[in-house]
Amino acid sequence: MTSERAAVASAATAPPASQILPHRAKCAAAALHSGLRKIIAMTDEPRQPNVLLIEDHRDIAGAIVDFLEHRGFAVDYAADGVTGLHLAV
């Protein structure tokens, strides 16, 4: 099989991007959730964990803030990196 035919055959069997992207988003969300559980488990005293969110899209930021607050996180939000840096230090 020529390399052109192999590329066409490979592309024909690959899942469409509409299936790959949601899978990657689920994997990223699972990794974030796993990492947050480890951070919470490392604290000695039970307290509300803090998250600093830096996101320039207000709609996206609002959804993320709602998600995190619903799960018990205290969220500080900055719309740009400079403001986020000031909140972090």
N, C-alpha and C. Protein backbone atom coordinates (compact mmCIF):
# COMPACT_ATOMS: atom_id res chain seq x y z
N MET A 1 0.85 -1.17 0.00
CA MET A 1 0.00 0.00 0.00
C MET A 1 0.90 1.24 0.00
N THR A 2 0.59 2.18 -0.83
CA THR A 2 1.39 3.39 -0.91
C THR A 2 1.11 4.25 0.32
N SER A 3 1.99 5.20 0.56
CA SER A 3 1.83 6.06 1.74
C SER A 3 0.56 6.90 1.65
N GLU A 4 0.17 7.30 0.43
CA GLU A 4 -1.06 8.08 0.27
C GLU A 4 -2.27 7.24 0.63
N ARG A 5 -2.29 6.00 0.16
CA ARG A 5 -3.41 5.11 0.49
C ARG A 5 -3.44 4.81 1.99
N ALA A 6 -2.29 4.63 2.58
CA ALA A 6 -2.23 4.36 4.02
C ALA A 6 -2.77 5.54 4.80
N ALA A 7 -2.45 6.75 4.39
CA ALA A 7 -2.94 7.94 5.08
C ALA A 7 -4.45 8.06 4.94
N VAL A 8 -4.97 7.76 3.74
CA VAL A 8 -6.42 7.81 3.53
C VAL A 8 -7.10 6.74 4.36
N ALA A 9 -6.54 5.53 4.39
CA ALA A 9 -7.13 4.45 5.18
C ALA A 9 -7.09 4.78 6.66
N SER A 10 -6.01 5.37 7.13
CA SER A 10 -5.88 5.76 8.53
C SER A 10 -6.89 6.84 8.88
N ALA A 11 -7.05 7.82 8.03
CA ALA A 11 -8.00 8.90 8.28
C ALA A 11 -9.43 8.39 8.27
N ALA A 12 -9.71 7.39 7.45
CA ALA A 12 -11.06 6.84 7.36
C ALA A 12 -11.42 6.08 8.63
N THR A 13 -10.44 5.48 9.31
CA THR A 13 -10.73 4.70 10.51
C THR A 13 -10.62 5.52 11.79
N ALA A 14 -10.05 6.70 11.73
CA ALA A 14 -9.91 7.54 12.91
C ALA A 14 -11.26 8.12 13.32
N PRO A 15 -11.53 8.22 14.63
CA PRO A 15 -12.80 8.80 15.05
C PRO A 15 -12.84 10.29 14.71
N PRO A 16 -14.02 10.82 14.47
CA PRO A 16 -14.13 12.24 14.13
C PRO A 16 -13.76 13.11 15.33
N ALA A 17 -13.39 14.34 15.05
CA ALA A 17 -12.98 15.28 16.10
C ALA A 17 -14.08 15.48 17.12
N SER A 18 -15.35 15.38 16.72
CA SER A 18 -16.46 15.58 17.65
C SER A 18 -16.48 14.51 18.74
N GLN A 19 -15.85 13.36 18.49
CA GLN A 19 -15.75 12.32 19.52
C GLN A 19 -14.47 12.45 20.33
N ILE A 20 -13.40 12.92 19.70
CA ILE A 20 -12.12 13.03 20.39
C ILE A 20 -12.12 14.17 21.40
N LEU A 21 -12.63 15.34 21.02
CA LEU A 21 -12.57 16.50 21.91
C LEU A 21 -13.33 16.31 23.21
N PRO A 22 -14.58 15.78 23.21
CA PRO A 22 -15.25 15.56 24.50
C PRO A 22 -14.49 14.56 25.37
N HIS A 23 -13.88 13.55 24.75
CA HIS A 23 -13.11 12.58 25.52
C HIS A 23 -11.92 13.26 26.21
N ARG A 24 -11.24 14.13 25.47
CA ARG A 24 -10.10 14.84 26.07
C ARG A 24 -10.56 15.76 27.19
N ALA A 25 -11.70 16.40 27.03
CA ALA A 25 -12.23 17.27 28.08
C ALA A 25 -12.57 16.46 29.32
N LYS A 26 -13.14 15.26 29.13
CA LYS A 26 -13.45 14.40 30.28
C LYS A 26 -12.18 13.96 30.99
N CYS A 27 -11.14 13.63 30.22
CA CYS A 27 -9.86 13.23 30.82
C CYS A 27 -9.26 14.38 31.62
N ALA A 28 -9.32 15.59 31.07
CA ALA A 28 -8.78 16.76 31.77
C ALA A 28 -9.57 17.03 33.05
N ALA A 29 -10.88 16.91 32.99
CA ALA A 29 -11.70 17.13 34.18
C ALA A 29 -11.42 16.08 35.24
N ALA A 30 -11.22 14.82 34.83
CA ALA A 30 -10.91 13.76 35.78
C ALA A 30 -9.55 14.00 36.44
N ALA A 31 -8.57 14.44 35.66
CA ALA A 31 -7.25 14.73 36.22
C ALA A 31 -7.33 15.89 37.21
N LEU A 32 -8.09 16.93 36.87
CA LEU A 32 -8.25 18.06 37.77
C LEU A 32 -8.92 17.62 39.06
N HIS A 33 -9.98 16.82 38.96
CA HIS A 33 -10.69 16.34 40.13
C HIS A 33 -9.78 15.50 41.01
N SER A 34 -9.00 14.62 40.39
CA SER A 34 -8.07 13.77 41.13
C SER A 34 -7.02 14.61 41.86
N GLY A 35 -6.48 15.60 41.17
CA GLY A 35 -5.48 16.48 41.79
C GLY A 35 -6.06 17.27 42.94
N LEU A 36 -7.29 17.75 42.80
CA LEU A 36 -7.93 18.51 43.88
C LEU A 36 -8.18 17.62 45.09
N ARG A 37 -8.57 16.36 44.86
CA ARG A 37 -8.77 15.44 45.99
C ARG A 37 -7.47 15.24 46.75
N LYS A 38 -6.35 15.13 46.04
CA LYS A 38 -5.06 14.94 46.71
C LYS A 38 -4.69 16.17 47.53
N ILE A 39 -4.95 17.35 47.00
CA ILE A 39 -4.65 18.58 47.73
C ILE A 39 -5.49 18.66 48.99
N ILE A 40 -6.77 18.34 48.89
CA ILE A 40 -7.65 18.38 50.05
C ILE A 40 -7.21 17.36 51.09
N ALA A 41 -6.80 16.17 50.66
CA ALA A 41 -6.38 15.13 51.58
C ALA A 41 -5.10 15.50 52.32
N MET A 42 -4.27 16.38 51.76
CA MET A 42 -3.01 16.75 52.38
C MET A 42 -3.19 17.71 53.55
N THR A 43 -4.31 18.37 53.66
CA THR A 43 -4.52 19.34 54.74
C THR A 43 -4.89 18.61 56.02
N ASP A 44 -4.37 19.07 57.16
CA ASP A 44 -4.63 18.43 58.45
C ASP A 44 -6.02 18.78 58.98
N GLU A 45 -6.38 20.03 58.88
CA GLU A 45 -7.66 20.47 59.43
C GLU A 45 -8.66 20.66 58.29
N PRO A 46 -9.91 20.29 58.54
CA PRO A 46 -10.90 20.50 57.49
C PRO A 46 -11.19 21.99 57.32
N ARG A 47 -11.02 22.48 56.13
CA ARG A 47 -11.32 23.88 55.83
C ARG A 47 -11.67 23.99 54.35
N GLN A 48 -12.23 25.10 54.00
CA GLN A 48 -12.64 25.31 52.62
C GLN A 48 -11.41 25.62 51.77
N PRO A 49 -11.14 24.78 50.75
CA PRO A 49 -9.98 25.03 49.88
C PRO A 49 -10.21 26.25 48.99
N ASN A 50 -9.13 26.97 48.71
CA ASN A 50 -9.19 28.17 47.88
C ASN A 50 -8.67 27.88 46.48
N VAL A 51 -9.31 28.52 45.50
CA VAL A 51 -8.90 28.40 44.11
C VAL A 51 -8.80 29.81 43.53
N LEU A 52 -7.72 30.09 42.83
CA LEU A 52 -7.60 31.34 42.09
C LEU A 52 -7.83 31.03 40.62
N LEU A 53 -8.87 31.60 40.06
CA LEU A 53 -9.22 31.39 38.65
C LEU A 53 -8.87 32.64 37.86
N ILE A 54 -8.06 32.49 36.83
CA ILE A 54 -7.72 33.58 35.93
C ILE A 54 -8.25 33.20 34.55
N GLU A 55 -9.27 33.92 34.11
CA GLU A 55 -9.94 33.60 32.85
C GLU A 55 -10.50 34.89 32.27
N ASP A 56 -10.19 35.17 31.00
CA ASP A 56 -10.64 36.42 30.40
C ASP A 56 -12.04 36.34 29.80
N HIS A 57 -12.57 35.15 29.63
CA HIS A 57 -13.95 34.99 29.13
C HIS A 57 -14.89 34.90 30.32
N ARG A 58 -15.70 35.94 30.52
CA ARG A 58 -16.55 36.00 31.70
C ARG A 58 -17.58 34.87 31.77
N ASP A 59 -18.13 34.46 30.64
CA ASP A 59 -19.11 33.37 30.64
C ASP A 59 -18.48 32.06 31.10
N ILE A 60 -17.30 31.78 30.59
CA ILE A 60 -16.60 30.56 30.98
C ILE A 60 -16.21 30.64 32.45
N ALA A 61 -15.70 31.78 32.87
CA ALA A 61 -15.30 31.96 34.27
C ALA A 61 -16.50 31.77 35.19
N GLY A 62 -17.64 32.33 34.81
CA GLY A 62 -18.84 32.19 35.64
C GLY A 62 -19.24 30.74 35.82
N ALA A 63 -19.17 29.96 34.74
CA ALA A 63 -19.51 28.53 34.82
C ALA A 63 -18.54 27.77 35.72
N ILE A 64 -17.25 28.08 35.59
CA ILE A 64 -16.24 27.40 36.40
C ILE A 64 -16.39 27.79 37.87
N VAL A 65 -16.63 29.07 38.14
CA VAL A 65 -16.81 29.53 39.53
C VAL A 65 -18.03 28.83 40.14
N ASP A 66 -19.14 28.79 39.42
CA ASP A 66 -20.33 28.10 39.92
C ASP A 66 -20.04 26.63 40.23
N PHE A 67 -19.34 25.96 39.32
CA PHE A 67 -18.98 24.55 39.48
C PHE A 67 -18.15 24.34 40.75
N LEU A 68 -17.11 25.16 40.92
CA LEU A 68 -16.22 25.00 42.06
C LEU A 68 -16.90 25.37 43.38
N GLU A 69 -17.66 26.45 43.39
CA GLU A 69 -18.34 26.86 44.61
C GLU A 69 -19.38 25.82 45.03
N HIS A 70 -20.04 25.22 44.06
CA HIS A 70 -21.03 24.18 44.35
C HIS A 70 -20.37 22.98 45.03
N ARG A 71 -19.09 22.77 44.76
CA ARG A 71 -18.36 21.66 45.36
C ARG A 71 -17.55 22.07 46.59
N GLY A 72 -17.80 23.26 47.11
CA GLY A 72 -17.21 23.65 48.38
C GLY A 72 -15.93 24.44 48.33
N PHE A 73 -15.55 24.95 47.18
CA PHE A 73 -14.33 25.73 47.06
C PHE A 73 -14.62 27.22 47.21
N ALA A 74 -13.70 27.93 47.82
CA ALA A 74 -13.73 29.40 47.82
C ALA A 74 -12.96 29.84 46.59
N VAL A 75 -13.57 30.64 45.74
CA VAL A 75 -12.95 30.99 44.46
C VAL A 75 -12.68 32.49 44.40
N ASP A 76 -11.43 32.84 44.11
CA ASP A 76 -11.06 34.21 43.76
C ASP A 76 -10.94 34.26 42.25
N TYR A 77 -11.46 35.31 41.64
CA TYR A 77 -11.50 35.40 40.18
C TYR A 77 -10.77 36.65 39.71
N ALA A 78 -9.96 36.48 38.68
CA ALA A 78 -9.29 37.61 38.02
C ALA A 78 -9.52 37.49 36.53
N ALA A 79 -9.80 38.61 35.89
CA ALA A 79 -10.08 38.62 34.45
C ALA A 79 -8.81 38.73 33.61
N ASP A 80 -7.65 38.98 34.25
CA ASP A 80 -6.40 39.07 33.51
C ASP A 80 -5.25 38.63 34.41
N GLY A 81 -4.11 38.38 33.79
CA GLY A 81 -2.96 37.86 34.52
C GLY A 81 -2.39 38.81 35.55
N VAL A 82 -2.38 40.10 35.27
CA VAL A 82 -1.82 41.07 36.22
C VAL A 82 -2.66 41.08 37.50
N THR A 83 -3.97 41.13 37.35
CA THR A 83 -4.85 41.09 38.52
C THR A 83 -4.70 39.77 39.25
N GLY A 84 -4.60 38.68 38.50
CA GLY A 84 -4.39 37.36 39.12
C GLY A 84 -3.10 37.30 39.91
N LEU A 85 -2.05 37.90 39.40
CA LEU A 85 -0.77 37.93 40.11
C LEU A 85 -0.90 38.70 41.42
N HIS A 86 -1.62 39.82 41.39
CA HIS A 86 -1.82 40.60 42.61
C HIS A 86 -2.64 39.81 43.64
N LEU A 87 -3.61 39.05 43.19
CA LEU A 87 -4.41 38.25 44.11
C LEU A 87 -3.60 37.09 44.68
N ALA A 88 -2.66 36.58 43.91
CA ALA A 88 -1.88 35.42 44.33
C ALA A 88 -0.84 35.75 45.40
N VAL A 89 -0.31 36.96 45.36
CA VAL A 89 0.75 37.30 46.33
C VAL A 89 0.29 38.26 47.37
